Amino acid sequence: MSGTIKELAELEGRVYVHLANNKVGNDFLRQAEAEGFTFGDGVKPTERDYAEVMAINHDGTINYVGAIGMMAYGSGTKMIGNKQLIRIEFDKWNE
């Protein structure tokens, strides 16, 4: 399956992407920037490091998920608040 990060941002729910290694993480940041994504404070993705799990938001931003987000990602929960948690293995999505 191959697609854009914008397509992921359009999914109904909270989208978390797993970035398995340096290549995948750096590829994600470059692709996000090329598609016009920024961090919430306007910083370009390639100006920061990736984290193992990152969130993609409907408003064209990405963010780190922090400790609570990592627990939610790893717990198998299907919901975060009232939104479905969508887990994406970015290297598989981007094949």
N, C-alpha and C. Protein backbone atom coordinates (compact mmCIF):
# COMPACT_ATOMS: atom_id res chain seq x y z
N MET A 1 0.85 -1.18 0.00
CA MET A 1 0.00 0.00 0.00
C MET A 1 0.89 1.23 0.00
N SER A 2 0.63 2.15 -0.87
CA SER A 2 1.41 3.37 -0.91
C SER A 2 0.47 4.56 -0.98
N GLY A 3 0.79 5.56 -0.23
CA GLY A 3 -0.07 6.73 -0.24
C GLY A 3 0.63 7.94 0.33
N THR A 4 -0.13 9.01 0.40
CA THR A 4 0.42 10.25 0.90
C THR A 4 0.10 10.44 2.38
N ILE A 5 0.86 11.30 3.01
CA ILE A 5 0.58 11.64 4.40
C ILE A 5 -0.72 12.44 4.46
N LYS A 6 -1.01 13.22 3.44
CA LYS A 6 -2.28 13.96 3.38
C LYS A 6 -3.46 12.99 3.41
N GLU A 7 -3.33 11.87 2.72
CA GLU A 7 -4.40 10.86 2.76
C GLU A 7 -4.59 10.33 4.18
N LEU A 8 -3.50 10.14 4.89
CA LEU A 8 -3.60 9.67 6.28
C LEU A 8 -4.28 10.73 7.14
N ALA A 9 -3.95 12.00 6.90
CA ALA A 9 -4.54 13.09 7.68
C ALA A 9 -6.04 13.19 7.48
N GLU A 10 -6.53 12.70 6.36
CA GLU A 10 -7.96 12.76 6.06
C GLU A 10 -8.75 11.61 6.67
N LEU A 11 -8.06 10.61 7.23
CA LEU A 11 -8.77 9.49 7.85
C LEU A 11 -9.57 9.98 9.05
N GLU A 12 -10.66 9.33 9.30
CA GLU A 12 -11.53 9.69 10.42
C GLU A 12 -10.98 9.07 11.69
N GLY A 13 -10.40 9.86 12.55
CA GLY A 13 -9.83 9.36 13.80
C GLY A 13 -8.49 10.02 14.08
N ARG A 14 -7.81 9.48 15.08
CA ARG A 14 -6.49 9.99 15.49
C ARG A 14 -5.45 9.09 14.86
N VAL A 15 -4.61 9.63 13.97
CA VAL A 15 -3.65 8.83 13.21
C VAL A 15 -2.28 8.90 13.85
N TYR A 16 -1.78 7.73 14.25
CA TYR A 16 -0.43 7.59 14.79
C TYR A 16 0.37 6.75 13.81
N VAL A 17 1.55 7.23 13.43
CA VAL A 17 2.42 6.45 12.55
C VAL A 17 3.62 5.94 13.34
N HIS A 18 3.95 4.68 13.09
CA HIS A 18 5.12 4.06 13.70
C HIS A 18 6.27 4.19 12.71
N LEU A 19 7.38 4.73 13.19
CA LEU A 19 8.57 4.94 12.36
C LEU A 19 9.65 4.01 12.89
N ALA A 20 9.83 2.89 12.21
CA ALA A 20 10.58 1.75 12.72
C ALA A 20 12.08 1.96 12.87
N ASN A 21 12.65 2.88 12.09
CA ASN A 21 14.11 3.06 12.15
C ASN A 21 14.47 4.42 11.58
N ASN A 22 15.77 4.73 11.55
CA ASN A 22 16.23 6.05 11.07
C ASN A 22 15.80 6.34 9.65
N LYS A 23 15.93 5.36 8.76
CA LYS A 23 15.55 5.60 7.37
C LYS A 23 14.07 5.92 7.27
N VAL A 24 13.24 5.12 7.91
CA VAL A 24 11.79 5.33 7.84
C VAL A 24 11.43 6.68 8.48
N GLY A 25 12.02 6.98 9.63
CA GLY A 25 11.73 8.23 10.32
C GLY A 25 12.12 9.44 9.50
N ASN A 26 13.30 9.40 8.93
CA ASN A 26 13.76 10.53 8.12
C ASN A 26 12.98 10.65 6.81
N ASP A 27 12.62 9.50 6.22
CA ASP A 27 11.77 9.52 5.02
C ASP A 27 10.42 10.16 5.34
N PHE A 28 9.85 9.81 6.49
CA PHE A 28 8.57 10.39 6.91
C PHE A 28 8.67 11.91 7.03
N LEU A 29 9.71 12.39 7.70
CA LEU A 29 9.87 13.84 7.88
C LEU A 29 10.04 14.55 6.54
N ARG A 30 10.83 13.98 5.64
CA ARG A 30 11.02 14.60 4.32
C ARG A 30 9.72 14.62 3.52
N GLN A 31 8.99 13.51 3.56
CA GLN A 31 7.73 13.44 2.82
C GLN A 31 6.70 14.41 3.42
N ALA A 32 6.63 14.45 4.75
CA ALA A 32 5.69 15.37 5.41
C ALA A 32 5.98 16.81 5.00
N GLU A 33 7.25 17.17 4.99
CA GLU A 33 7.62 18.53 4.60
C GLU A 33 7.28 18.79 3.13
N ALA A 34 7.56 17.84 2.26
CA ALA A 34 7.27 18.01 0.84
C ALA A 34 5.77 18.17 0.60
N GLU A 35 4.95 17.58 1.47
CA GLU A 35 3.49 17.68 1.34
C GLU A 35 2.93 18.90 2.08
N GLY A 36 3.81 19.72 2.66
CA GLY A 36 3.37 20.96 3.29
C GLY A 36 3.05 20.88 4.77
N PHE A 37 3.37 19.76 5.41
CA PHE A 37 3.11 19.63 6.85
C PHE A 37 4.16 20.40 7.64
N THR A 38 3.78 20.85 8.81
CA THR A 38 4.69 21.47 9.78
C THR A 38 4.35 20.92 11.16
N PHE A 39 5.20 21.25 12.11
CA PHE A 39 4.82 21.05 13.50
C PHE A 39 3.84 22.17 13.86
N GLY A 40 3.13 22.03 14.94
CA GLY A 40 2.12 23.01 15.34
C GLY A 40 2.65 24.43 15.48
N ASP A 41 3.93 24.56 15.78
CA ASP A 41 4.52 25.90 15.94
C ASP A 41 5.12 26.43 14.63
N GLY A 42 4.85 25.73 13.52
CA GLY A 42 5.31 26.19 12.21
C GLY A 42 6.67 25.69 11.79
N VAL A 43 7.37 24.96 12.65
CA VAL A 43 8.70 24.45 12.30
C VAL A 43 8.56 23.34 11.26
N LYS A 44 9.45 23.36 10.26
CA LYS A 44 9.44 22.33 9.23
C LYS A 44 9.85 20.99 9.83
N PRO A 45 9.24 19.90 9.35
CA PRO A 45 9.55 18.57 9.89
C PRO A 45 11.03 18.22 9.90
N THR A 46 11.76 18.55 8.84
CA THR A 46 13.17 18.16 8.78
C THR A 46 14.07 18.97 9.70
N GLU A 47 13.52 19.98 10.35
CA GLU A 47 14.30 20.76 11.30
C GLU A 47 14.28 20.15 12.70
N ARG A 48 13.55 19.06 12.86
CA ARG A 48 13.50 18.34 14.14
C ARG A 48 13.74 16.86 13.89
N ASP A 49 13.99 16.15 14.97
CA ASP A 49 14.16 14.70 14.90
C ASP A 49 12.79 14.03 14.92
N TYR A 50 12.75 12.85 14.34
CA TYR A 50 11.52 12.06 14.41
C TYR A 50 11.48 11.34 15.76
N ALA A 51 10.30 10.86 16.12
CA ALA A 51 10.13 9.97 17.27
C ALA A 51 9.58 8.65 16.74
N GLU A 52 9.67 7.61 17.54
CA GLU A 52 9.22 6.29 17.11
C GLU A 52 7.75 6.30 16.68
N VAL A 53 6.92 7.06 17.38
CA VAL A 53 5.52 7.21 17.03
C VAL A 53 5.20 8.70 16.95
N MET A 54 4.56 9.09 15.85
CA MET A 54 4.19 10.49 15.68
C MET A 54 2.74 10.56 15.23
N ALA A 55 2.11 11.69 15.52
CA ALA A 55 0.71 11.90 15.14
C ALA A 55 0.64 12.76 13.90
N ILE A 56 -0.34 12.46 13.06
CA ILE A 56 -0.65 13.25 11.87
C ILE A 56 -2.02 13.87 12.12
N ASN A 57 -2.13 15.17 11.93
CA ASN A 57 -3.36 15.89 12.26
C ASN A 57 -4.07 16.41 11.03
N HIS A 58 -5.39 16.55 11.14
CA HIS A 58 -6.24 17.02 10.04
C HIS A 58 -5.85 18.41 9.56
N ASP A 59 -5.23 19.21 10.42
CA ASP A 59 -4.91 20.61 10.07
C ASP A 59 -3.56 20.79 9.37
N GLY A 60 -2.96 19.68 8.93
CA GLY A 60 -1.69 19.78 8.21
C GLY A 60 -0.48 19.88 9.12
N THR A 61 -0.64 19.45 10.37
CA THR A 61 0.49 19.45 11.30
C THR A 61 0.80 18.01 11.73
N ILE A 62 2.02 17.84 12.23
CA ILE A 62 2.43 16.60 12.86
C ILE A 62 2.88 16.95 14.27
N ASN A 63 2.89 15.95 15.15
CA ASN A 63 3.40 16.20 16.49
C ASN A 63 3.90 14.91 17.13
N TYR A 64 4.72 15.10 18.16
CA TYR A 64 5.16 13.99 18.99
C TYR A 64 3.98 13.58 19.87
N VAL A 65 3.89 12.30 20.20
CA VAL A 65 2.75 11.84 20.99
C VAL A 65 3.01 11.82 22.49
N GLY A 66 4.25 11.86 22.92
CA GLY A 66 4.56 11.87 24.35
C GLY A 66 4.29 10.53 25.01
N ALA A 67 4.48 10.49 26.32
CA ALA A 67 4.38 9.24 27.07
C ALA A 67 2.96 8.66 27.05
N ILE A 68 1.96 9.50 27.21
CA ILE A 68 0.58 9.02 27.22
C ILE A 68 0.21 8.46 25.84
N GLY A 69 0.63 9.14 24.79
CA GLY A 69 0.37 8.65 23.44
C GLY A 69 1.07 7.33 23.16
N MET A 70 2.29 7.18 23.65
CA MET A 70 3.00 5.91 23.48
C MET A 70 2.29 4.79 24.22
N MET A 71 1.78 5.08 25.42
CA MET A 71 1.03 4.06 26.15
C MET A 71 -0.23 3.68 25.40
N ALA A 72 -0.93 4.66 24.86
CA ALA A 72 -2.15 4.39 24.09
C ALA A 72 -1.81 3.56 22.86
N TYR A 73 -0.75 3.92 22.17
CA TYR A 73 -0.35 3.21 20.96
C TYR A 73 -0.05 1.74 21.28
N GLY A 74 0.69 1.52 22.35
CA GLY A 74 1.11 0.17 22.69
C GLY A 74 0.07 -0.67 23.41
N SER A 75 -0.97 -0.04 23.91
CA SER A 75 -1.94 -0.76 24.75
C SER A 75 -2.95 -1.57 23.97
N GLY A 76 -3.10 -1.27 22.71
CA GLY A 76 -4.13 -1.95 21.93
C GLY A 76 -5.48 -1.27 22.00
N THR A 77 -5.57 -0.14 22.72
CA THR A 77 -6.84 0.57 22.80
C THR A 77 -7.30 0.97 21.40
N LYS A 78 -8.59 1.04 21.23
CA LYS A 78 -9.14 1.41 19.93
C LYS A 78 -9.57 2.86 19.87
N MET A 79 -9.60 3.53 21.03
CA MET A 79 -10.09 4.90 21.08
C MET A 79 -9.15 5.78 21.90
N ILE A 80 -9.05 7.04 21.50
CA ILE A 80 -8.42 8.08 22.31
C ILE A 80 -9.50 9.13 22.47
N GLY A 81 -10.00 9.26 23.69
CA GLY A 81 -11.15 10.14 23.90
C GLY A 81 -12.31 9.60 23.09
N ASN A 82 -12.87 10.43 22.24
CA ASN A 82 -13.99 9.98 21.42
C ASN A 82 -13.58 9.71 19.97
N LYS A 83 -12.26 9.58 19.71
CA LYS A 83 -11.77 9.33 18.36
C LYS A 83 -11.12 7.95 18.27
N GLN A 84 -11.34 7.31 17.14
CA GLN A 84 -10.70 6.03 16.87
C GLN A 84 -9.19 6.24 16.72
N LEU A 85 -8.40 5.36 17.32
CA LEU A 85 -6.95 5.40 17.16
C LEU A 85 -6.58 4.53 15.96
N ILE A 86 -5.97 5.16 14.96
CA ILE A 86 -5.56 4.48 13.74
C ILE A 86 -4.05 4.34 13.77
N ARG A 87 -3.57 3.11 13.77
CA ARG A 87 -2.14 2.83 13.81
C ARG A 87 -1.65 2.50 12.40
N ILE A 88 -0.60 3.18 11.97
CA ILE A 88 -0.03 2.97 10.63
C ILE A 88 1.45 2.63 10.78
N GLU A 89 1.85 1.53 10.17
CA GLU A 89 3.28 1.21 10.04
C GLU A 89 3.74 1.95 8.78
N PHE A 90 4.46 3.05 8.98
CA PHE A 90 4.76 3.93 7.85
C PHE A 90 5.56 3.24 6.77
N ASP A 91 6.50 2.37 7.12
CA ASP A 91 7.29 1.71 6.09
C ASP A 91 6.43 0.81 5.22
N LYS A 92 5.39 0.22 5.76
CA LYS A 92 4.47 -0.62 4.98
C LYS A 92 3.53 0.27 4.14
N TRP A 93 3.04 1.36 4.72
CA TRP A 93 2.16 2.30 4.02
C TRP A 93 2.88 2.92 2.82
N ASN A 94 4.15 3.14 2.98
CA ASN A 94 4.91 3.90 1.99
C ASN A 94 5.70 3.00 1.03
N GLU A 95 5.35 1.73 0.94
CA GLU A 95 6.07 0.81 0.05
C GLU A 95 5.78 1.11 -1.40
